[in-house]
Amino acid sequence: MQQARHWLPSLLVKTLFQVVPTFVGILLIMFVILKAIPGDAVDVLAGESGGASAASMALMREQYGLNLPAWQQFLHWGGHILQGNLGYSPRFNTPVNTLILSRLPATLMLMLAAQFFALIIGVLFGVIMALFVGRWPDRLLSLTSLLLYSLPGFWIGLMLLVLFSVHLGWLPSSGNMTIGSDLHGWAYISDRISHAILPVFSLASFFLAIYARLTRAAMLEITHQDFVRTAHAKGLSPLRVTLVHVLRCALIPLVTVSGMHIATLLSGAAVVETVFSWPGLGRLALDAVMARDVNILLGILLFSSLLVLIANFVVDLIHAWLDPRVARH
């Protein structure tokens, strides 16, 4: 505990100096890219309404601030962010804050559940593969991991959808809850779980395979280290050596890789949300792209960047806890 008090403030300061310029740079790059896309929200709205006069389109652009130079739009948008305002959506005629906050819980639930499932099952598979290396459990789980790694997550989701929803009828095919139902207590929880099973597994399958292979390789390498042989020589039980000495060290590269996968999880969630009609940020981003609604896209990128930066900070803390030598550098 005393060691944690010593290195935690320095790690916080160092991370803060890294996060702020990184965050600003991400927003600037994304703004430039989005502004380079031809057309804007007013063009889309005019096309959907069957046409509009040049005067009315100019008035709408002035209303939404789209007539200003790009650098002024970025400065205005940055000033609004400091005030907690992400702007207004021309496409949905709603504040961007309201739209994102209404979809964010669904995406966070999907991502966290998929990451938790991938880590738990991946580590379990990796430990079994390392303990039975060269034997049938290792070969069977290695083949399973190879298949999950090779097959795209959206294809796995579609196949699961056809099997468990269309043919067997065991699980719902879309959404994150039964629309129009008035459920409470365990019935409400079970309904949410049944809707989440297929999307969570589809999103977690790729990462599960990576974590399983990484855990296996790390444990096989650490098993031959001198400190592990010393632990066996002291008479410690094989289970204690595996869990306390070998697995703890094997988790260090796993934690690092899992932190790097947060951004990939976000992009994968967008595809899975489209397949299963999951009402999250991914589907909202797709609708915003089709409508050229830059405000929504920038808001989603803002929250996504914050989420990735926070996740990487948490990973740094866990990494420093697993290996205190990291905090000294």
Protein backbone atom coordinates (compact mmCIF):
# COMPACT_ATOMS: atom_id res chain seq x y z
CA MET A 1 0.00 0.00 0.00
CA GLN A 2 2.85 2.37 0.82
CA GLN A 3 4.48 1.57 -2.52
CA ALA A 4 1.18 2.37 -4.29
CA ARG A 5 1.01 5.77 -2.56
CA HIS A 6 4.56 6.43 -3.74
CA TRP A 7 4.18 5.71 -7.46
CA LEU A 8 0.50 6.51 -8.03
CA PRO A 9 0.78 10.36 -8.03
CA SER A 10 3.76 10.32 -10.42
CA LEU A 11 1.92 7.92 -12.73
CA LEU A 12 -1.16 10.17 -12.70
CA VAL A 13 0.88 13.25 -13.61
CA LYS A 14 2.79 11.46 -16.36
CA THR A 15 -0.40 10.03 -17.83
CA LEU A 16 -2.11 13.43 -17.75
CA PHE A 17 0.70 15.05 -19.73
CA GLN A 18 0.40 12.29 -22.31
CA VAL A 19 -3.41 12.21 -22.48
CA VAL A 20 -4.18 15.91 -23.04
CA PRO A 21 -2.11 16.51 -26.22
CA THR A 22 -3.09 13.08 -27.54
CA PHE A 23 -6.76 13.85 -27.02
CA VAL A 24 -6.54 17.25 -28.74
CA GLY A 25 -4.60 15.74 -31.64
CA ILE A 26 -7.20 13.00 -32.13
CA LEU A 27 -10.04 15.51 -32.24
CA LEU A 28 -8.19 17.76 -34.70
CA ILE A 29 -7.36 14.89 -37.06
CA MET A 30 -10.92 13.54 -36.96
CA PHE A 31 -12.36 17.01 -37.59
CA VAL A 32 -10.16 17.50 -40.65
CA ILE A 33 -11.05 14.07 -42.04
CA LEU A 34 -14.79 14.56 -41.53
CA LYS A 35 -14.69 18.01 -43.12
CA ALA A 36 -12.95 16.53 -46.15
CA ILE A 37 -16.01 14.35 -46.87
CA PRO A 38 -18.07 15.89 -49.72
CA GLY A 39 -21.45 17.34 -48.77
CA ASP A 40 -22.96 18.22 -45.41
CA ALA A 41 -26.11 17.63 -43.38
CA VAL A 42 -28.00 20.39 -45.23
CA ASP A 43 -27.39 18.66 -48.59
CA VAL A 44 -28.79 15.40 -47.19
CA LEU A 45 -31.84 17.11 -45.68
CA ALA A 46 -32.51 18.92 -48.97
CA GLY A 47 -32.24 15.66 -50.89
CA GLU A 48 -34.63 13.85 -48.54
CA SER A 49 -37.21 16.64 -48.83
CA GLY A 50 -37.09 16.53 -52.63
CA GLY A 51 -35.06 19.69 -53.07
CA ALA A 52 -34.64 23.18 -51.61
CA SER A 53 -33.79 26.64 -52.83
CA ALA A 54 -30.28 28.01 -52.54
CA ALA A 55 -31.52 30.71 -50.15
CA SER A 56 -33.14 28.23 -47.75
CA MET A 57 -30.05 25.99 -47.80
CA ALA A 58 -27.82 28.99 -47.07
CA LEU A 59 -30.12 29.93 -44.18
CA MET A 60 -29.92 26.41 -42.74
CA ARG A 61 -26.14 26.40 -43.02
CA GLU A 62 -26.02 29.71 -41.20
CA GLN A 63 -28.35 28.35 -38.52
CA TYR A 64 -26.13 25.34 -37.85
CA GLY A 65 -22.83 27.23 -38.30
CA LEU A 66 -21.88 25.28 -41.43
CA ASN A 67 -21.20 28.47 -43.39
CA LEU A 68 -18.13 29.33 -41.30
CA PRO A 69 -14.57 28.36 -42.32
CA ALA A 70 -13.48 24.97 -41.02
CA TRP A 71 -11.00 26.40 -38.50
CA GLN A 72 -13.68 28.62 -36.98
CA GLN A 73 -16.05 25.65 -36.75
CA PHE A 74 -13.37 23.69 -34.90
CA LEU A 75 -12.71 26.53 -32.46
CA HIS A 76 -16.42 27.01 -31.83
CA TRP A 77 -16.88 23.28 -31.34
CA GLY A 78 -13.92 23.14 -28.93
CA GLY A 79 -15.34 26.06 -26.95
CA HIS A 80 -18.70 24.31 -26.70
CA ILE A 81 -16.97 21.13 -25.46
CA LEU A 82 -15.43 23.06 -22.57
CA GLN A 83 -18.97 24.10 -21.66
CA GLY A 84 -20.24 20.52 -21.87
CA ASN A 85 -22.17 21.15 -25.07
CA LEU A 86 -21.57 18.92 -28.11
CA GLY A 87 -23.83 20.90 -30.42
CA TYR A 88 -27.07 20.14 -32.21
CA SER A 89 -27.91 17.42 -34.69
CA PRO A 90 -29.54 18.71 -37.90
CA ARG A 91 -30.52 15.17 -38.89
CA PHE A 92 -32.26 14.14 -35.66
CA ASN A 93 -33.24 17.66 -34.55
CA THR A 94 -31.93 16.83 -31.06
CA PRO A 95 -28.94 17.90 -28.94
CA VAL A 96 -25.96 15.62 -29.52
CA ASN A 97 -25.49 15.14 -25.77
CA THR A 98 -28.97 13.63 -25.50
CA LEU A 99 -28.45 11.28 -28.45
CA ILE A 100 -25.07 10.00 -27.28
CA LEU A 101 -26.01 9.58 -23.62
CA SER A 102 -29.10 7.61 -24.64
CA ARG A 103 -26.99 5.16 -26.70
CA LEU A 104 -23.79 5.06 -24.62
CA PRO A 105 -25.00 2.62 -21.91
CA ALA A 106 -25.92 -0.02 -24.51
CA THR A 107 -22.48 0.18 -26.17
CA LEU A 108 -20.64 0.16 -22.83
CA MET A 109 -22.61 -2.87 -21.71
CA LEU A 110 -21.81 -4.72 -24.94
CA MET A 111 -18.10 -3.82 -24.82
CA LEU A 112 -17.55 -4.55 -21.13
CA ALA A 113 -19.44 -7.84 -21.28
CA ALA A 114 -17.51 -8.93 -24.37
CA GLN A 115 -14.15 -7.94 -22.87
CA PHE A 116 -14.93 -9.67 -19.56
CA PHE A 117 -16.10 -12.84 -21.33
CA ALA A 118 -13.07 -12.87 -23.65
CA LEU A 119 -10.62 -12.39 -20.77
CA ILE A 120 -12.17 -15.01 -18.46
CA ILE A 121 -12.67 -17.71 -21.08
CA GLY A 122 -9.45 -16.83 -22.92
CA VAL A 123 -7.34 -17.08 -19.77
CA LEU A 124 -9.11 -20.32 -18.79
CA PHE A 125 -8.44 -21.83 -22.23
CA GLY A 126 -4.83 -20.64 -22.12
CA VAL A 127 -4.20 -22.17 -18.69
CA ILE A 128 -5.69 -25.51 -19.75
CA MET A 129 -3.65 -25.48 -22.97
CA ALA A 130 -0.45 -24.74 -21.05
CA LEU A 131 -1.09 -27.42 -18.41
CA PHE A 132 -1.89 -30.08 -21.03
CA VAL A 133 0.56 -28.95 -23.69
CA GLY A 134 0.88 -31.44 -26.53
CA ARG A 135 -2.11 -33.50 -25.38
CA TRP A 136 -5.70 -33.60 -26.65
CA PRO A 137 -7.07 -30.68 -24.53
CA ASP A 138 -4.32 -28.45 -25.90
CA ARG A 139 -4.93 -29.53 -29.48
CA LEU A 140 -8.71 -29.21 -29.23
CA LEU A 141 -8.62 -25.74 -27.68
CA SER A 142 -5.86 -24.64 -30.07
CA LEU A 143 -8.08 -25.63 -33.01
CA THR A 144 -11.03 -23.81 -31.46
CA SER A 145 -8.92 -20.68 -30.94
CA LEU A 146 -7.67 -20.84 -34.52
CA LEU A 147 -11.23 -21.04 -35.86
CA LEU A 148 -12.43 -18.13 -33.70
CA TYR A 149 -9.41 -16.07 -34.76
CA SER A 150 -9.88 -16.81 -38.46
CA LEU A 151 -13.63 -16.25 -38.78
CA PRO A 152 -14.95 -12.65 -38.87
CA GLY A 153 -17.08 -11.68 -35.89
CA PHE A 154 -20.00 -10.51 -38.02
CA TRP A 155 -20.06 -13.87 -39.87
CA ILE A 156 -20.09 -15.74 -36.55
CA GLY A 157 -22.92 -13.46 -35.44
CA LEU A 158 -24.94 -14.17 -38.58
CA MET A 159 -24.46 -17.93 -38.22
CA LEU A 160 -25.46 -17.81 -34.55
CA LEU A 161 -28.46 -15.72 -35.53
CA VAL A 162 -29.58 -18.29 -38.09
CA LEU A 163 -29.06 -21.22 -35.71
CA PHE A 164 -30.30 -19.99 -32.34
CA SER A 165 -32.87 -17.42 -33.44
CA VAL A 166 -34.27 -18.59 -36.78
CA HIS A 167 -34.06 -22.39 -36.58
CA LEU A 168 -34.14 -23.14 -32.85
CA GLY A 169 -35.92 -20.00 -31.63
CA TRP A 170 -34.03 -20.06 -28.33
CA LEU A 171 -32.72 -16.49 -28.36
CA PRO A 172 -34.05 -13.15 -29.70
CA SER A 173 -32.66 -11.94 -33.00
CA SER A 174 -32.42 -8.18 -32.48
CA GLY A 175 -32.44 -5.35 -29.97
CA ASN A 176 -31.25 -5.27 -26.38
CA MET A 177 -34.65 -5.86 -24.75
CA THR A 178 -38.20 -6.89 -25.63
CA ILE A 179 -40.00 -3.83 -26.94
CA GLY A 180 -43.23 -2.97 -25.14
CA SER A 181 -42.68 -5.44 -22.29
CA ASP A 182 -43.26 -4.38 -18.69
CA LEU A 183 -40.80 -6.68 -16.95
CA HIS A 184 -39.37 -6.32 -13.48
CA GLY A 185 -36.88 -8.12 -11.28
CA TRP A 186 -35.40 -11.37 -12.55
CA ALA A 187 -37.66 -11.41 -15.61
CA TYR A 188 -36.18 -8.07 -16.72
CA ILE A 189 -32.60 -9.26 -16.08
CA SER A 190 -33.10 -12.55 -17.93
CA ASP A 191 -34.65 -10.70 -20.87
CA ARG A 192 -31.63 -8.41 -21.14
CA ILE A 193 -29.22 -11.35 -20.81
CA SER A 194 -30.99 -13.36 -23.51
CA HIS A 195 -30.73 -10.42 -25.91
CA ALA A 196 -27.03 -9.92 -25.10
CA ILE A 197 -25.76 -13.51 -25.44
CA LEU A 198 -25.34 -13.61 -29.22
CA PRO A 199 -23.92 -10.07 -29.66
CA VAL A 200 -21.49 -10.49 -26.76
CA PHE A 201 -20.14 -13.81 -28.05
CA SER A 202 -19.88 -12.47 -31.61
CA LEU A 203 -17.85 -9.48 -30.42
CA ALA A 204 -15.73 -11.49 -27.96
CA SER A 205 -14.85 -14.45 -30.20
CA PHE A 206 -11.85 -12.84 -31.93
CA PHE A 207 -10.36 -11.49 -28.70
CA LEU A 208 -10.99 -14.74 -26.84
CA ALA A 209 -8.79 -16.57 -29.33
CA ILE A 210 -5.99 -14.01 -28.99
CA TYR A 211 -6.05 -14.07 -25.18
CA ALA A 212 -6.05 -17.86 -25.09
CA ARG A 213 -3.00 -18.16 -27.37
CA LEU A 214 -1.19 -15.35 -25.56
CA THR A 215 -1.83 -16.87 -22.11
CA ARG A 216 -0.61 -20.27 -23.32
CA ALA A 217 2.60 -18.87 -24.81
CA ALA A 218 3.35 -16.69 -21.77
CA MET A 219 2.77 -19.51 -19.29
CA LEU A 220 4.95 -21.96 -21.22
CA GLU A 221 7.76 -19.40 -21.28
CA ILE A 222 7.47 -18.50 -17.58
CA THR A 223 7.22 -22.14 -16.47
CA HIS A 224 10.92 -22.64 -17.27
CA GLN A 225 12.10 -19.57 -15.35
CA ASP A 226 14.37 -19.98 -12.33
CA PHE A 227 11.93 -18.52 -9.81
CA VAL A 228 9.31 -21.11 -10.79
CA ARG A 229 11.76 -23.95 -10.25
CA THR A 230 12.66 -22.41 -6.90
CA ALA A 231 8.98 -22.29 -5.92
CA HIS A 232 8.63 -26.00 -6.75
CA ALA A 233 11.81 -26.75 -4.78
CA LYS A 234 10.35 -25.03 -1.71
CA GLY A 235 7.52 -27.57 -1.74
CA LEU A 236 4.72 -25.27 -2.86
CA SER A 237 1.70 -27.00 -4.34
CA PRO A 238 1.50 -27.08 -8.16
CA LEU A 239 -1.81 -25.18 -8.03
CA ARG A 240 -0.27 -22.37 -5.95
CA VAL A 241 2.76 -22.14 -8.24
CA THR A 242 0.52 -22.00 -11.32
CA LEU A 243 -1.87 -19.36 -9.98
CA VAL A 244 0.40 -17.16 -7.84
CA HIS A 245 3.71 -17.31 -9.69
CA VAL A 246 3.17 -18.37 -13.30
CA LEU A 247 -0.28 -16.95 -14.08
CA ARG A 248 0.36 -13.59 -12.41
CA CYS A 249 3.43 -13.00 -14.57
CA ALA A 250 1.59 -14.28 -17.65
CA LEU A 251 -1.16 -11.70 -17.10
CA ILE A 252 1.25 -8.78 -17.63
CA PRO A 253 1.43 -9.02 -21.46
CA LEU A 254 -2.25 -10.01 -21.52
CA VAL A 255 -3.28 -6.82 -19.70
CA THR A 256 -1.18 -4.73 -22.08
CA VAL A 257 -2.72 -6.32 -25.17
CA SER A 258 -6.28 -6.08 -23.79
CA GLY A 259 -5.79 -2.34 -23.30
CA MET A 260 -4.64 -1.97 -26.90
CA HIS A 261 -7.80 -3.76 -28.04
CA ILE A 262 -10.25 -1.22 -26.60
CA ALA A 263 -10.31 0.76 -29.84
CA THR A 264 -10.74 -2.46 -31.83
CA LEU A 265 -13.62 -3.42 -29.55
CA LEU A 266 -15.30 -0.11 -30.35
CA SER A 267 -15.03 -0.65 -34.09
CA GLY A 268 -16.16 -4.26 -33.74
CA ALA A 269 -19.12 -3.16 -31.64
CA ALA A 270 -20.29 -0.95 -34.50
CA VAL A 271 -20.47 -3.96 -36.84
CA VAL A 272 -22.11 -6.23 -34.25
CA GLU A 273 -24.66 -3.56 -33.38
CA THR A 274 -25.62 -3.36 -37.05
CA VAL A 275 -26.02 -7.14 -37.36
CA PHE A 276 -28.16 -7.48 -34.22
CA SER A 277 -29.91 -4.06 -34.40
CA TRP A 278 -28.34 -3.21 -31.05
CA PRO A 279 -29.23 0.41 -30.14
CA GLY A 280 -25.72 1.67 -29.42
CA LEU A 281 -23.23 4.24 -30.62
CA GLY A 282 -22.19 2.11 -33.59
CA ARG A 283 -25.60 2.25 -35.24
CA LEU A 284 -25.87 5.94 -34.37
CA ALA A 285 -22.50 6.57 -36.04
CA LEU A 286 -23.64 4.72 -39.17
CA ASP A 287 -26.80 6.81 -39.36
CA ALA A 288 -24.73 9.98 -38.83
CA VAL A 289 -22.36 9.04 -41.67
CA MET A 290 -25.26 8.50 -44.05
CA ALA A 291 -26.73 11.87 -43.00
CA ARG A 292 -23.36 13.72 -43.07
CA ASP A 293 -24.09 14.80 -39.49
CA VAL A 294 -20.61 15.92 -38.40
CA ASN A 295 -21.73 17.00 -34.94
CA ILE A 296 -22.87 13.49 -33.99
CA LEU A 297 -19.75 11.89 -35.44
CA LEU A 298 -17.48 14.28 -33.57
CA GLY A 299 -19.41 13.66 -30.38
CA ILE A 300 -19.10 9.90 -30.78
CA LEU A 301 -15.39 10.24 -31.53
CA LEU A 302 -15.03 12.43 -28.45
CA PHE A 303 -16.60 9.82 -26.17
CA SER A 304 -14.76 6.98 -27.92
CA SER A 305 -11.39 8.71 -27.51
CA LEU A 306 -12.11 9.42 -23.85
CA LEU A 307 -13.09 5.79 -23.32
CA VAL A 308 -9.90 4.50 -24.96
CA LEU A 309 -7.70 6.90 -22.99
CA ILE A 310 -9.38 6.02 -19.68
CA ALA A 311 -9.12 2.30 -20.45
CA ASN A 312 -5.42 2.62 -21.22
CA PHE A 313 -4.89 4.53 -17.97
CA VAL A 314 -6.61 1.73 -16.04
CA VAL A 315 -4.42 -0.78 -17.87
CA ASP A 316 -1.32 1.18 -16.78
CA LEU A 317 -2.50 0.99 -13.16
CA ILE A 318 -3.13 -2.76 -13.37
CA HIS A 319 0.19 -3.25 -15.13
CA ALA A 320 2.02 -1.33 -12.40
CA TRP A 321 0.23 -3.38 -9.73
CA LEU A 322 1.17 -6.67 -11.37
CA ASP A 323 4.77 -5.54 -11.95
CA PRO A 324 5.88 -2.68 -9.61
CA ARG A 325 9.03 -2.21 -11.69
CA VAL A 326 6.87 -0.55 -14.37
CA ALA A 327 5.91 2.31 -12.05
CA ARG A 328 9.54 3.27 -11.48
CA HIS A 329 10.10 4.09 -15.17
